[in-house]
Protein backbone atom coordinates (compact mmCIF):
# COMPACT_ATOMS: atom_id res chain seq x y z
CA MET A 1 -3.54 22.66 -3.18
CA THR A 2 -1.04 24.00 -5.64
CA GLY A 3 1.12 25.00 -2.31
CA ALA A 4 4.06 23.26 -0.97
CA ALA A 5 3.91 19.91 -2.29
CA PHE A 6 7.78 19.35 -1.75
CA PRO A 7 10.13 20.64 0.71
CA PRO A 8 11.84 23.77 -0.17
CA ALA A 9 15.34 23.56 -1.60
CA ASN A 10 17.98 24.77 0.79
CA LEU A 11 19.40 27.41 -1.56
CA THR A 12 20.94 30.75 -0.57
CA ALA A 13 18.04 32.81 -1.66
CA VAL A 14 15.51 34.94 0.03
CA ASN A 15 11.83 35.25 -0.24
CA GLN A 16 9.52 38.41 -0.90
CA SER A 17 9.83 39.62 2.59
CA GLY A 18 13.59 39.67 2.35
CA CYS A 19 14.09 36.57 4.76
CA ASP A 20 16.62 33.97 3.95
CA VAL A 21 14.58 30.89 4.51
CA HIS A 22 16.64 28.06 3.21
CA ASN A 23 19.13 26.35 5.40
CA HIS A 24 20.72 23.07 6.24
CA GLN A 25 21.63 22.35 2.68
CA VAL A 26 24.24 19.73 3.25
CA SER A 27 22.14 17.66 5.58
CA ALA A 28 19.00 17.83 3.58
CA LYS A 29 20.80 16.64 0.41
CA VAL A 30 21.98 13.55 2.14
CA THR A 31 19.15 12.76 4.12
CA PHE A 32 16.30 13.02 1.54
CA SER A 33 18.62 11.56 -1.36
CA LEU A 34 18.93 8.28 0.86
CA PHE A 35 14.99 8.45 2.04
CA TYR A 36 13.39 8.73 -1.47
CA THR A 37 15.66 6.13 -2.91
CA ALA A 38 14.60 3.67 -0.19
CA LEU A 39 11.04 4.90 -0.90
CA LEU A 40 11.51 4.12 -4.45
CA VAL A 41 12.93 0.42 -3.80
CA PHE A 42 10.17 -0.48 -1.14
CA GLY A 43 7.33 1.37 -2.78
CA ALA A 44 7.83 -0.29 -6.08
CA CYS A 45 8.34 -3.62 -4.82
CA GLY A 46 5.35 -3.56 -2.63
CA ASN A 47 2.99 -2.22 -4.94
CA ILE A 48 3.90 -4.23 -7.79
CA LEU A 49 3.75 -7.48 -5.75
CA ALA A 50 0.29 -6.47 -4.64
CA LEU A 51 -0.94 -5.86 -8.00
CA CYS A 52 0.54 -9.21 -9.05
CA ILE A 53 -0.91 -11.21 -6.42
CA THR A 54 -4.34 -9.61 -6.95
CA PHE A 55 -4.58 -10.35 -10.85
CA GLN A 56 -3.27 -13.91 -10.24
CA ARG A 57 -6.68 -14.79 -8.78
CA ARG A 58 -8.15 -15.46 -12.04
CA LYS A 59 -10.93 -17.95 -10.62
CA LYS A 60 -12.23 -15.18 -8.13
CA LYS A 61 -13.67 -12.10 -9.17
CA LEU A 62 -12.73 -8.80 -7.58
CA ASN A 63 -15.19 -7.32 -5.15
CA SER A 64 -15.44 -3.44 -4.49
CA THR A 65 -13.02 -3.33 -1.69
CA ASP A 66 -10.40 -5.23 -3.94
CA LEU A 67 -11.21 -2.61 -6.72
CA TYR A 68 -10.47 0.32 -4.59
CA LEU A 69 -7.30 -1.05 -3.29
CA VAL A 70 -6.12 -1.99 -6.87
CA ASN A 71 -6.49 1.70 -7.87
CA LEU A 72 -4.64 2.62 -4.80
CA ALA A 73 -1.90 0.35 -5.82
CA LEU A 74 -1.91 1.74 -9.09
CA SER A 75 -1.68 5.31 -7.83
CA ASP A 76 1.16 4.39 -5.43
CA ALA A 77 3.18 2.74 -8.52
CA LEU A 78 2.73 5.71 -10.54
CA PHE A 79 4.16 7.78 -7.79
CA THR A 80 7.24 5.84 -7.64
CA LEU A 81 7.84 6.82 -11.49
CA ALA A 82 8.45 10.48 -10.18
CA LEU A 83 10.90 9.60 -7.49
CA PRO A 84 14.04 9.26 -9.77
CA GLY A 85 13.70 12.76 -10.81
CA ARG A 86 13.39 13.97 -7.31
CA ILE A 87 16.46 11.79 -6.09
CA ALA A 88 18.53 13.40 -8.74
CA TYR A 89 17.15 16.95 -7.78
CA TYR A 90 18.64 16.27 -4.29
CA VAL A 91 21.84 14.64 -5.46
CA LEU A 92 22.77 17.63 -7.76
CA GLU A 93 22.17 19.98 -4.76
CA PHE A 94 18.70 21.27 -5.61
CA ASN A 95 19.51 21.53 -9.33
CA TRP A 96 16.73 20.21 -11.71
CA PRO A 97 18.30 18.92 -14.81
CA PHE A 98 15.23 17.81 -16.81
CA GLY A 99 13.27 21.03 -17.70
CA ASP A 100 10.10 22.70 -16.75
CA TRP A 101 7.75 20.51 -18.43
CA PHE A 102 9.05 17.32 -16.60
CA CYS A 103 8.84 19.33 -13.43
CA ARG A 104 5.38 20.08 -13.92
CA ALA A 105 4.61 16.43 -14.59
CA THR A 106 6.39 15.34 -11.71
CA ALA A 107 4.44 17.73 -9.37
CA PHE A 108 1.16 16.59 -11.09
CA ILE A 109 2.02 12.89 -10.19
CA PHE A 110 2.99 13.95 -6.58
CA TYR A 111 -0.32 15.71 -6.16
CA MET A 112 -2.44 12.90 -7.96
CA ASN A 113 -0.95 10.35 -5.54
CA THR A 114 -1.59 12.18 -2.47
CA TYR A 115 -5.08 12.86 -3.00
CA VAL A 116 -6.23 9.97 -4.90
CA GLY A 117 -4.72 7.70 -2.03
CA ILE A 118 -6.75 9.70 0.59
CA TYR A 119 -9.88 9.28 -1.44
CA PHE A 120 -9.42 5.67 -2.25
CA MET A 121 -8.83 5.04 1.64
CA THR A 122 -11.84 6.69 2.29
CA CYS A 123 -13.83 4.67 -0.25
CA VAL A 124 -12.38 1.54 1.63
CA SER A 125 -13.54 2.64 4.90
CA VAL A 126 -17.06 3.43 3.56
CA ASP A 127 -17.11 0.12 1.77
CA ARG A 128 -16.16 -1.82 4.97
CA TYR A 129 -18.84 0.22 6.84
CA ILE A 130 -21.60 -0.84 4.48
CA ALA A 131 -20.79 -4.38 4.56
CA VAL A 132 -20.80 -4.56 8.22
CA VAL A 133 -23.18 -1.99 9.61
CA ARG A 134 -25.56 -2.13 6.47
CA SER A 135 -25.27 -5.73 6.06
CA ARG A 136 -29.04 -6.49 5.39
CA HIS A 137 -28.95 -4.83 2.02
CA PRO A 138 -25.02 -4.24 1.01
CA GLY A 139 -25.45 -5.67 -2.54
CA ARG A 140 -27.07 -2.51 -3.74
CA LEU A 141 -24.47 -0.01 -2.71
CA ARG A 142 -21.67 -2.54 -3.36
CA ARG A 143 -22.01 -3.30 -6.93
CA MET A 144 -19.17 -3.53 -9.13
CA SER A 145 -20.60 -0.97 -11.69
CA ARG A 146 -21.13 1.69 -8.85
CA ALA A 147 -17.61 0.94 -7.89
CA ARG A 148 -16.07 1.35 -10.86
CA ALA A 149 -18.10 4.60 -11.15
CA VAL A 150 -16.85 5.76 -8.12
CA CYS A 151 -13.20 5.03 -9.20
CA VAL A 152 -13.62 6.83 -12.30
CA LEU A 153 -15.13 9.91 -10.42
CA ILE A 154 -12.22 10.02 -8.05
CA TRP A 155 -9.49 10.02 -10.82
CA PHE A 156 -11.59 12.86 -12.61
CA LEU A 157 -11.93 14.88 -9.66
CA VAL A 158 -8.30 14.64 -8.55
CA PHE A 159 -7.18 15.36 -12.06
CA LEU A 160 -9.30 18.39 -12.36
CA GLN A 161 -7.82 19.67 -8.82
CA THR A 162 -4.23 19.15 -9.90
CA ALA A 163 -4.47 20.05 -13.64
CA PRO A 164 -3.34 23.58 -12.77
CA LEU A 165 -0.08 22.30 -11.74
CA LEU A 166 0.52 21.52 -15.47
CA LEU A 167 -0.56 25.04 -16.69
CA ARG A 168 1.93 27.32 -14.67
CA PRO A 169 5.81 27.11 -14.54
CA MET A 170 7.03 24.99 -11.86
CA THR A 171 10.84 25.87 -12.26
CA ARG A 172 12.76 29.11 -10.99
CA ARG A 173 16.15 30.09 -11.96
CA MET A 174 18.32 31.01 -8.78
CA GLY A 175 21.90 31.69 -9.82
CA ASP A 176 23.49 28.90 -11.80
CA ARG A 177 20.66 26.47 -10.38
CA LEU A 178 17.35 25.74 -11.69
CA THR A 179 14.80 24.98 -8.66
CA CYS A 180 11.77 22.81 -9.16
CA MET A 181 8.53 23.25 -7.02
CA GLU A 182 9.62 25.23 -4.34
CA TYR A 183 7.29 27.19 -2.08
CA PHE A 184 8.60 30.45 -2.97
CA ASN A 185 7.71 29.93 -6.42
CA PHE A 186 3.94 30.00 -5.20
CA GLU A 187 4.02 33.18 -2.82
CA GLU A 188 2.93 35.43 -5.56
CA VAL A 189 -0.36 33.23 -6.23
CA PRO A 190 -3.41 35.58 -5.33
CA LYS A 191 -5.21 34.47 -2.17
CA LEU A 192 -2.76 31.52 -1.70
CA PRO A 193 -3.68 31.08 2.11
CA TYR A 194 -7.28 30.69 1.34
CA LEU A 195 -6.77 28.45 -1.62
CA LEU A 196 -4.72 25.98 0.57
CA LEU A 197 -6.89 26.05 3.55
CA ALA A 198 -9.69 25.25 1.36
CA ALA A 199 -7.71 22.45 -0.35
CA CYS A 200 -6.96 20.90 2.94
CA VAL A 201 -10.59 20.87 4.28
CA LEU A 202 -11.74 19.18 1.03
CA GLY A 203 -8.66 16.79 0.39
CA PHE A 204 -7.76 15.75 4.04
CA PHE A 205 -10.20 16.95 6.89
CA LEU A 206 -13.37 15.80 5.32
CA PRO A 207 -12.10 12.49 4.29
CA VAL A 208 -10.64 11.68 7.66
CA GLY A 209 -13.89 12.83 9.34
CA ILE A 210 -15.55 9.88 7.02
CA ILE A 211 -13.14 7.49 8.25
CA LEU A 212 -13.59 8.28 11.76
CA VAL A 213 -17.27 8.13 11.64
CA CYS A 214 -16.99 4.53 9.82
CA TYR A 215 -14.54 3.43 12.52
CA VAL A 216 -16.81 4.25 15.41
CA ARG A 217 -19.86 2.73 13.64
CA ILE A 218 -18.27 -0.42 12.89
CA ASN A 219 -16.99 -0.65 16.50
CA LEU A 220 -20.31 -0.05 17.90
CA LYS A 221 -21.95 -2.68 15.52
CA LEU A 222 -19.35 -5.08 16.92
CA CYS A 223 -20.25 -4.34 20.57
CA GLN A 224 -23.68 -4.58 19.85
CA THR A 225 -23.32 -7.80 18.14
CA ALA A 226 -21.11 -9.30 20.73
CA LYS A 227 -23.77 -8.44 23.41
CA GLU A 228 -26.66 -10.06 21.61
CA ASN A 229 -24.71 -13.06 20.41
CA PRO A 230 -21.22 -13.69 22.18
CA LEU A 231 -20.66 -16.45 19.64
CA THR A 232 -20.33 -14.01 17.00
CA VAL A 233 -17.28 -12.10 18.82
CA LYS A 234 -14.91 -14.00 16.61
CA ASN A 235 -16.76 -13.47 13.41
CA GLY A 236 -13.78 -13.08 10.91
CA HIS A 237 -15.63 -10.97 8.60
CA HIS A 238 -16.68 -8.26 10.88
CA ARG A 239 -13.08 -8.40 12.78
CA ARG A 240 -11.43 -8.18 9.40
CA ALA A 241 -13.58 -5.01 8.38
CA PHE A 242 -12.52 -3.35 11.86
CA THR A 243 -8.91 -4.12 11.39
CA VAL A 244 -9.00 -2.69 7.76
CA ILE A 245 -10.38 0.72 8.71
CA LEU A 246 -8.07 0.80 11.85
CA VAL A 247 -4.92 0.19 9.54
CA VAL A 248 -6.47 2.87 7.15
CA LEU A 249 -7.15 5.43 9.85
CA LEU A 250 -3.60 5.17 11.28
CA ALA A 251 -1.93 5.40 7.99
CA VAL A 252 -3.99 8.54 7.02
CA LEU A 253 -3.10 10.12 10.49
CA LEU A 254 0.56 9.14 10.15
CA CYS A 255 1.20 10.09 6.53
CA PHE A 256 -1.03 13.10 5.86
CA SER A 257 -1.88 14.69 9.18
CA PRO A 258 1.55 16.31 9.87
CA TYR A 259 1.71 18.06 6.36
CA HIS A 260 -1.87 19.28 6.27
CA LEU A 261 -1.71 20.83 10.00
CA ASN A 262 1.47 22.29 9.08
CA ILE A 263 0.00 23.90 6.16
CA VAL A 264 -3.06 24.97 8.20
CA GLN A 265 -1.12 26.58 11.18
CA PHE A 266 1.08 28.63 8.77
CA MET A 267 -1.49 29.79 6.39
CA VAL A 268 -3.58 31.05 9.46
CA ARG A 269 -0.68 32.97 10.53
CA LYS A 270 -0.27 34.73 6.99
CA ILE A 271 -3.93 35.62 7.22
CA LEU A 272 -3.66 37.15 10.52
CA TYR A 273 -0.16 38.68 10.41
CA GLN A 274 3.10 38.58 8.45
CA PRO A 275 5.25 35.65 10.12
CA SER A 276 8.68 36.74 11.25
CA CYS A 277 11.60 35.45 9.50
CA ARG A 278 12.35 32.80 12.21
CA GLU A 279 8.88 31.53 11.73
CA GLN A 280 9.29 31.43 7.97
CA GLN A 281 12.55 29.31 8.23
CA ALA A 282 10.68 27.00 10.81
CA PHE A 283 7.81 26.46 8.32
CA LYS A 284 10.23 25.87 5.37
CA MET A 285 12.32 23.17 7.44
CA SER A 286 9.16 21.60 8.79
CA LEU A 287 7.86 21.11 5.34
CA GLN A 288 10.90 18.75 4.41
CA VAL A 289 9.87 16.63 7.29
CA THR A 290 6.25 16.45 6.84
CA VAL A 291 6.32 16.21 3.14
CA ALA A 292 8.72 13.14 3.67
CA PHE A 293 6.05 11.49 5.97
CA MET A 294 3.36 12.22 3.47
CA ASN A 295 5.16 10.42 0.67
CA LEU A 296 5.83 7.62 2.90
CA ASN A 297 2.11 6.40 2.24
CA CYS A 298 3.32 4.44 -0.95
CA CYS A 299 5.36 1.98 1.47
CA ILE A 300 2.51 1.94 4.03
CA ASP A 301 -0.44 1.20 1.55
CA PRO A 302 0.82 -2.36 1.05
CA ILE A 303 0.25 -3.13 4.84
CA ILE A 304 -3.42 -2.27 4.10
CA TYR A 305 -3.37 -4.91 1.17
CA PHE A 306 -2.25 -7.28 3.64
CA PHE A 307 -5.16 -7.03 5.99
CA ALA A 308 -7.76 -6.25 3.38
CA PHE A 309 -7.24 -8.94 0.52
CA ARG A 310 -8.41 -12.16 1.04
CA GLY A 311 -5.72 -14.69 0.79
CA TYR A 312 -3.19 -12.05 0.30
CA LYS A 313 -0.87 -13.19 3.42
CA ARG A 314 -1.21 -16.76 2.24
CA ARG A 315 -0.02 -15.84 -1.23
CA LEU A 316 2.74 -13.66 -0.17
CA LEU A 317 4.16 -16.52 2.22
CA ARG A 318 3.72 -18.88 -0.59
CA ILE A 319 5.91 -16.66 -2.88
CA PHE A 320 8.59 -16.37 -0.12
CA ARG A 321 8.48 -20.10 0.57
CA ASN A 322 8.86 -20.98 -3.15
CA SER A 323 11.75 -18.48 -3.64
CA GLY A 324 13.26 -19.95 -0.29
CA SER A 325 12.99 -23.39 -1.79
CA MET A 326 14.58 -22.50 -5.00
CA ARG A 327 17.73 -21.36 -2.94
CA HIS A 328 17.85 -24.27 -0.82
CA GLY A 329 17.29 -27.25 -3.12
CA PRO A 330 14.70 -28.89 -5.34
CA SER A 331 11.15 -29.58 -4.82
CA PHE A 332 9.35 -32.85 -4.53
CA SER A 333 5.96 -34.31 -4.98
CA LEU A 334 4.27 -37.14 -3.36
CA ARG A 335 2.10 -39.02 -5.81
CA PRO A 336 -0.21 -42.15 -5.12
CA ALA A 337 0.71 -44.92 -7.60
CA ALA A 338 -3.01 -45.80 -8.22
CA TYR A 339 -4.59 -42.53 -8.26
CA GLY A 340 -3.70 -40.78 -11.48
CA PRO A 341 -2.28 -37.30 -12.00
CA SER A 342 -3.15 -35.93 -8.51
CA PHE A 343 -0.13 -35.09 -6.42
CA ILE A 344 0.90 -32.84 -3.56
CA SER A 345 4.08 -30.59 -3.35
CA VAL A 346 6.50 -30.85 -0.71
CA THR A 347 9.17 -28.41 -0.28
CA ASP A 348 12.58 -30.02 0.84
CA GLY A 349 14.06 -28.91 4.07
CA PHE A 350 10.68 -27.38 5.52
CA PRO A 351 9.02 -29.88 8.12
CA SER A 352 5.38 -29.79 7.35
CA THR A 353 2.05 -31.93 7.12
CA VAL A 354 0.47 -31.85 3.80
CA PRO A 355 -2.99 -33.30 2.45
CA ALA A 356 -2.27 -36.27 0.22
CA ALA A 357 -4.70 -37.43 -2.35
CA PRO A 358 -5.97 -40.95 -1.46
CA SER A 359 -5.86 -43.88 -3.85
CA ARG A 360 -8.32 -46.61 -4.31
CA SER A 361 -6.15 -49.09 -2.81
CA SER A 362 -5.66 -46.67 0.40
CA PRO A 363 -8.61 -44.76 0.87
CA GLY A 364 -7.59 -44.11 4.39
CA CYS A 365 -4.40 -42.17 3.69
CA SER A 366 -4.97 -38.52 4.04
CA LEU A 367 -2.05 -37.03 5.39
CA VAL A 368 1.59 -37.35 4.79
CA THR A 369 4.35 -36.31 7.32
CA TRP A 370 7.33 -34.64 5.79
CA ARG A 371 10.60 -34.09 7.68
CA GLU A 372 14.22 -33.32 6.87
CA GLY A 373 13.56 -34.33 3.17
CA LYS A 374 11.99 -37.72 4.04
CA VAL A 375 8.76 -39.05 4.44
CA ALA A 376 8.27 -39.68 8.25
CA GLY A 377 5.02 -41.24 8.10
CA PHE A 378 1.39 -41.33 7.02
CA ILE A 379 -1.62 -40.34 9.19
CA PRO A 380 -4.78 -42.28 8.28
CA ARG A 381 -8.12 -40.61 8.33
CA GLN A 382 -10.34 -41.27 11.46
CA GLY A 383 -12.17 -44.54 10.96
CA ALA A 384 -10.30 -45.93 7.86
CA ARG A 385 -7.61 -48.46 7.70
CA SER A 386 -4.02 -47.31 8.26
CA PHE A 387 -2.64 -49.14 5.26
CA CYS A 388 -1.62 -46.14 2.93
CA GLY A 389 -0.59 -48.43 -0.05
CA ARG A 390 2.28 -47.98 -2.43
CA MET A 391 3.37 -44.17 -3.07
CA ALA A 392 6.04 -42.96 -5.42
CA VAL A 393 8.43 -40.25 -4.41
CA VAL A 394 8.84 -37.88 -7.68
CA ASP A 395 11.64 -35.76 -8.24
CA LEU A 396 10.53 -32.73 -10.21
CA ARG A 397 13.69 -32.67 -12.04
CA GLY A 398 12.39 -35.79 -13.79
CA ALA A 399 13.82 -38.90 -11.61
CA VAL A 400 10.84 -41.06 -10.33
CA GLN A 401 11.82 -43.43 -7.43
CA PRO A 402 8.99 -46.12 -6.55
CA ALA A 403 8.73 -46.61 -2.92
CA GLY A 404 6.43 -48.57 -0.62
CA LEU A 405 5.69 -47.38 2.67
CA ARG A 406 8.72 -49.38 4.28
CA ASP A 407 11.10 -47.84 1.73
CA ALA A 408 9.70 -44.39 2.08
CA LYS A 409 10.36 -44.28 5.77
């Protein structure tokens, strides 16, 4: 696992075989500086927003899936803390200015995020599988106490796997530059190809196999249920579980497959024979691209939250609507004069039909139509009288304008 976590720096240097494997210095400097800057912005915003939305749900406790996704978001948010150092490294033309210990910490955070992310995505898939396929007795397997224990175990195992990165130097002096976490720094590690192959099997291929099994079993369960009872085809719970695992599977394959397949093919070559200089150059260049895809997971994970968290989409849209209303003008609320403190909030400028709290004098008034900043009409409940009573248009800035139905129109 302590292999090429980062793309190698494009410096004028040679590896142990005497091959100059570093090229495309200028293009890599510009490309990856911009890429990791964008990754920092979108990754930090997406994951912090997901955490804020999650912890705002005070009335509803987290379930096991939510807990796994919260840990995934925490891992991605932690990962963004390491990005400023990498951006500076590329901007300074592959010169690490922060010393060896900060380089070690950066390497540790990068690998923690990679494999914590894969393991928690696997946990989400298994949890959805239990909820759908093992739906007769899911409570025992999905207890929060067990979910918390699984989270602690994952963090502990990944810590043990990545802790060696903190115990060996990660920097190397190359002329007047100090490189950080370059592949040639690890070429002298004994049995490196075998270590990396074992890490790929345990950290990637095994979790992907588990996710695939969960995906297939849920799909078969949905097909079987649809045949037995066609009315359950549109079951939202089962469909959402299927969608979550599909998104997880696509995210894992898109982000992590290129890097691990690239490592496997080159390590097998190194075991069988000494790769040529051109093959080594191609491998170094491919690492730059595949590592970029692997780090892209911190921006893709919020998409998983969008499909997995109940109410996440609604809360997210509400945040954007509220921010839009603050830009376009004040918000208003419509309050029945005889009903006490209950009221409904209506955003100025957004045509909508919203529920209104009925008053004693107007029990039939249930919906208020709001268009172009004005009350367009009232829609009475079915079977009730259509008179809606006296209402009050309340400006949230403090001005109250009493209005009857005629005045409101």
